[in-house]
C-alpha atoms as a PDB file:
ATOM      1  CA  UNK A   1      66.078 101.936  59.106  1.00  0.00           C
ATOM      2  CA  UNK A   2      69.769 102.756  58.463  1.00  0.00           C
ATOM      3  CA  UNK A   3      72.377 100.504  59.537  1.00  0.00           C
ATOM      4  CA  UNK A   4      73.473 103.396  62.423  1.00  0.00           C
ATOM      5  CA  UNK A   5      70.030 104.966  62.595  1.00  0.00           C
ATOM      6  CA  UNK A   6      69.871 101.324  64.850  1.00  0.00           C
ATOM      7  CA  UNK A   7      73.515 101.091  66.148  1.00  0.00           C
ATOM      8  CA  UNK A   8      71.547 104.585  67.643  1.00  0.00           C
ATOM      9  CA  UNK A   9      68.557 103.062  69.260  1.00  0.00           C
ATOM     10  CA  UNK A  10      70.400 100.099  70.348  1.00  0.00           C
ATOM     11  CA  UNK A  11      72.915 102.180  71.986  1.00  0.00           C
ATOM     12  CA  UNK A  12      70.008 104.416  73.581  1.00  0.00           C
ATOM     13  CA  UNK A  13      68.001 100.966  74.421  1.00  0.00           C
ATOM     14  CA  UNK A  14      71.536 100.172  76.586  1.00  0.00           C
ATOM     15  CA  UNK A  15      72.856 103.207  77.580  1.00  0.00           C
ATOM     16  CA  UNK A  16      68.611 103.468  79.549  1.00  0.00           C
ATOM     17  CA  UNK A  17      69.442  99.713  80.841  1.00  0.00           C
ATOM     18  CA  UNK A  18      72.446 100.280  82.576  1.00  0.00           C
ATOM     19  CA  UNK A  19      70.968 102.593  84.340  1.00  0.00           C
ATOM     20  CA  UNK A  20      68.194 100.911  85.406  1.00  0.00           C
ATOM     21  CA  UNK A  21      70.453  98.394  86.639  1.00  0.00           C
ATOM     22  CA  UNK A  22      72.950 100.606  88.633  1.00  0.00           C
ATOM     23  CA  UNK A  23      70.624 102.743  89.934  1.00  0.00           C
ATOM     24  CA  UNK A  24      70.337 100.813  92.980  1.00  0.00           C
ATOM     25  CA  UNK A  25      73.554 100.613  93.574  1.00  0.00           C
ATOM     26  CA  UNK A  26      74.776 104.774  93.061  1.00  0.00           C
ATOM     27  CA  UNK A  27      71.422 104.714  96.000  1.00  0.00           C
ATOM     28  CA  UNK A  28      73.531 102.266  98.836  1.00  0.00           C
ATOM     29  CA  UNK A  29      76.322 103.871  98.123  1.00  0.00           C
ATOM     30  CA  UNK A  30      75.123 107.581  98.646  1.00  0.00           C
ATOM     31  CA  UNK A  31      73.158 106.512 101.727  1.00  0.00           C
ATOM     32  CA  UNK A  32      76.124 104.220 103.065  1.00  0.00           C
ATOM     33  CA  UNK A  33      78.595 107.730 102.977  1.00  0.00           C
ATOM     34  CA  UNK A  34      75.605 109.174 104.324  1.00  0.00           C
ATOM     35  CA  UNK A  35      76.112 107.363 107.576  1.00  0.00           C
ATOM     36  CA  UNK A  36      79.713 106.555 107.862  1.00  0.00           C
ATOM     37  CA  UNK A  37      79.414 110.420 107.082  1.00  0.00           C
ATOM     38  CA  UNK A  38      76.700 110.902 110.677  1.00  0.00           C
ATOM     39  CA  UNK A  39      78.495 108.289 112.139  1.00  0.00           C
ATOM     40  CA  UNK A  40      81.954 110.223 112.591  1.00  0.00           C
ATOM     41  CA  UNK A  41      79.649 113.170 113.615  1.00  0.00           C
ATOM     42  CA  UNK A  42      77.573 111.722 115.629  1.00  0.00           C
ATOM     43  CA  UNK A  43      81.360 110.836 117.782  1.00  0.00           C
ATOM     44  CA  UNK A  44      82.318 114.423 117.026  1.00  0.00           C
ATOM     45  CA  UNK A  45      79.668 115.889 119.614  1.00  0.00           C
ATOM     46  CA  UNK A  46      80.629 113.125 122.005  1.00  0.00           C
ATOM     47  CA  UNK A  47      84.087 115.184 121.629  1.00  0.00           C
ATOM     48  CA  UNK A  48      82.422 117.871 121.937  1.00  0.00           C
ATOM     49  CA  UNK A  49      80.797 116.683 125.483  1.00  0.00           C
ATOM     50  CA  UNK A  50      83.610 115.167 126.713  1.00  0.00           C
ATOM     51  CA  UNK A  51      84.956 118.358 126.448  1.00  0.00           C
ATOM     52  CA  UNK A  52      82.341 120.368 127.922  1.00  0.00           C
ATOM     53  CA  UNK A  53      81.935 118.535 131.153  1.00  0.00           C
ATOM     54  CA  UNK A  54      86.018 118.988 131.137  1.00  0.00           C
ATOM     55  CA  UNK A  55      85.237 122.657 131.140  1.00  0.00           C
ATOM     56  CA  UNK A  56      82.069 122.829 133.255  1.00  0.00           C
ATOM     57  CA  UNK A  57      82.325 120.533 136.245  1.00  0.00           C
ATOM     58  CA  UNK A  58      79.236 121.699 137.510  1.00  0.00           C
ATOM     59  CA  UNK A  59      76.897 120.975 134.205  1.00  0.00           C
ATOM     60  CA  UNK A  60      78.476 118.752 133.738  1.00  0.00           C
ATOM     61  CA  UNK A  61      77.314 116.827 130.375  1.00  0.00           C
ATOM     62  CA  UNK A  62      75.024 119.751 127.949  1.00  0.00           C
ATOM     63  CA  UNK A  63      71.812 118.656 126.698  1.00  0.00           C
ATOM     64  CA  UNK A  64      71.869 122.204 124.333  1.00  0.00           C
ATOM     65  CA  UNK A  65      73.839 121.565 120.530  1.00  0.00           C
ATOM     66  CA  UNK A  66      74.225 125.141 120.421  1.00  0.00           C
ATOM     67  CA  UNK A  67      76.436 125.107 123.938  1.00  0.00           C
ATOM     68  CA  UNK A  68      78.415 122.914 122.012  1.00  0.00           C
ATOM     69  CA  UNK A  69      78.704 125.284 118.762  1.00  0.00           C
ATOM     70  CA  UNK A  70      80.063 127.945 121.692  1.00  0.00           C
ATOM     71  CA  UNK A  71      82.368 125.502 122.935  1.00  0.00           C
ATOM     72  CA  UNK A  72      84.138 125.130 118.874  1.00  0.00           C
ATOM     73  CA  UNK A  73      82.077 121.410 117.684  1.00  0.00           C
ATOM     74  CA  UNK A  74      81.816 122.421 114.118  1.00  0.00           C
ATOM     75  CA  UNK A  75      79.091 120.806 112.448  1.00  0.00           C
ATOM     76  CA  UNK A  76      78.710 119.087 109.375  1.00  0.00           C
ATOM     77  CA  UNK A  77      78.301 121.536 107.196  1.00  0.00           C
ATOM     78  CA  UNK A  78      76.211 119.890 105.036  1.00  0.00           C
ATOM     79  CA  UNK A  79      74.690 116.682 105.899  1.00  0.00           C
ATOM     80  CA  UNK A  80      71.772 113.951 104.968  1.00  0.00           C
ATOM     81  CA  UNK A  81      70.974 113.625 108.585  1.00  0.00           C
ATOM     82  CA  UNK A  82      69.352 115.895 111.602  1.00  0.00           C
ATOM     83  CA  UNK A  83      71.434 115.576 114.869  1.00  0.00           C
ATOM     84  CA  UNK A  84      69.566 115.582 118.653  1.00  0.00           C
ATOM     85  CA  UNK A  85      70.824 115.345 121.952  1.00  0.00           C
ATOM     86  CA  UNK A  86      68.512 113.906 125.160  1.00  0.00           C
ATOM     87  CA  UNK A  87      69.230 114.546 128.959  1.00  0.00           C
ATOM     88  CA  UNK A  88      67.125 112.455 131.510  1.00  0.00           C
ATOM     89  CA  UNK A  89      66.297 114.615 134.837  1.00  0.00           C
ATOM     90  CA  UNK A  90      67.443 118.078 135.894  1.00  0.00           C
ATOM     91  CA  UNK A  91      70.338 116.892 137.882  1.00  0.00           C
ATOM     92  CA  UNK A  92      73.281 118.893 138.296  1.00  0.00           C
ATOM     93  CA  UNK A  93      76.188 117.567 136.865  1.00  0.00           C
ATOM     94  CA  UNK A  94      74.824 115.891 134.265  1.00  0.00           C
ATOM     95  CA  UNK A  95      76.168 113.022 133.646  1.00  0.00           C
ATOM     96  CA  UNK A  96      74.971 111.135 131.479  1.00  0.00           C
ATOM     97  CA  UNK A  97      72.514 112.379 127.764  1.00  0.00           C
ATOM     98  CA  UNK A  98      72.108 110.764 124.697  1.00  0.00           C
ATOM     99  CA  UNK A  99      72.874 111.257 121.330  1.00  0.00           C
ATOM    100  CA  UNK A 100      71.192 110.272 118.020  1.00  0.00           C
ATOM    101  CA  UNK A 101      71.462 110.981 114.047  1.00  0.00           C
ATOM    102  CA  UNK A 102      68.355 110.095 111.793  1.00  0.00           C
ATOM    103  CA  UNK A 103      67.784 110.901 108.248  1.00  0.00           C
ATOM    104  CA  UNK A 104      66.996 114.374 107.736  1.00  0.00           C
ATOM    105  CA  UNK A 105      64.623 113.460 105.028  1.00  0.00           C
ATOM    106  CA  UNK A 106      62.016 111.149 106.557  1.00  0.00           C
ATOM    107  CA  UNK A 107      59.216 112.660 107.200  1.00  0.00           C
ATOM    108  CA  UNK A 108      58.963 114.065 103.601  1.00  0.00           C
ATOM    109  CA  UNK A 109      59.359 110.880 102.510  1.00  0.00           C
ATOM    110  CA  UNK A 110      56.842 109.156 104.617  1.00  0.00           C
ATOM    111  CA  UNK A 111      59.747 106.775 105.634  1.00  0.00           C
ATOM    112  CA  UNK A 112      59.604 105.542 109.476  1.00  0.00           C
ATOM    113  CA  UNK A 113      61.212 101.913 108.178  1.00  0.00           C
ATOM    114  CA  UNK A 114      64.393 104.627 108.318  1.00  0.00           C
ATOM    115  CA  UNK A 115      68.523 103.816 110.823  1.00  0.00           C
ATOM    116  CA  UNK A 116      69.274 106.251 113.637  1.00  0.00           C
ATOM    117  CA  UNK A 117      72.832 106.452 114.752  1.00  0.00           C
ATOM    118  CA  UNK A 118      73.221 106.583 118.791  1.00  0.00           C
ATOM    119  CA  UNK A 119      76.425 107.057 121.287  1.00  0.00           C
ATOM    120  CA  UNK A 120      75.868 108.619 124.795  1.00  0.00           C
ATOM    121  CA  UNK A 121      78.397 109.517 127.390  1.00  0.00           C
ATOM    122  CA  UNK A 122      80.442 106.047 127.134  1.00  0.00           C
ATOM    123  CA  UNK A 123      81.739 107.462 123.182  1.00  0.00           C
ATOM    124  CA  UNK A 124      80.703 103.644 122.022  1.00  0.00           C
ATOM    125  CA  UNK A 125      78.479 104.443 118.896  1.00  0.00           C
ATOM    126  CA  UNK A 126      75.124 102.246 117.092  1.00  0.00           C
ATOM    127  CA  UNK A 127      73.504 101.937 114.491  1.00  0.00           C
ATOM    128  CA  UNK A 128      69.702 100.392 114.672  1.00  0.00           C
END
């Protein structure tokens, strides 16, 4: 084996080792960025809900993302999270709601211990 061949093999081995070591860090950074975008989207849903309730005092808050879209809310262009809004009861005007974001790939990967980002009419955002 020539000296050049040994250097090539050593370089390839070092590169492979580097990839194995850095891969978990890359996943963590990616997940953290997705979570930050999801928190920002939940905040934008809160703002859209407040505007919807101001413009529709007889209805109050909406439980439908399509209503918010028609009102001007722009959903994330691409997101690793899905978004939902839930309301209790059928009272009018609605005075409360719960919005949450959860990882879009949770079921295909069989993941059940995933983190959910939540908010309500208070505007506070939290994560379990």
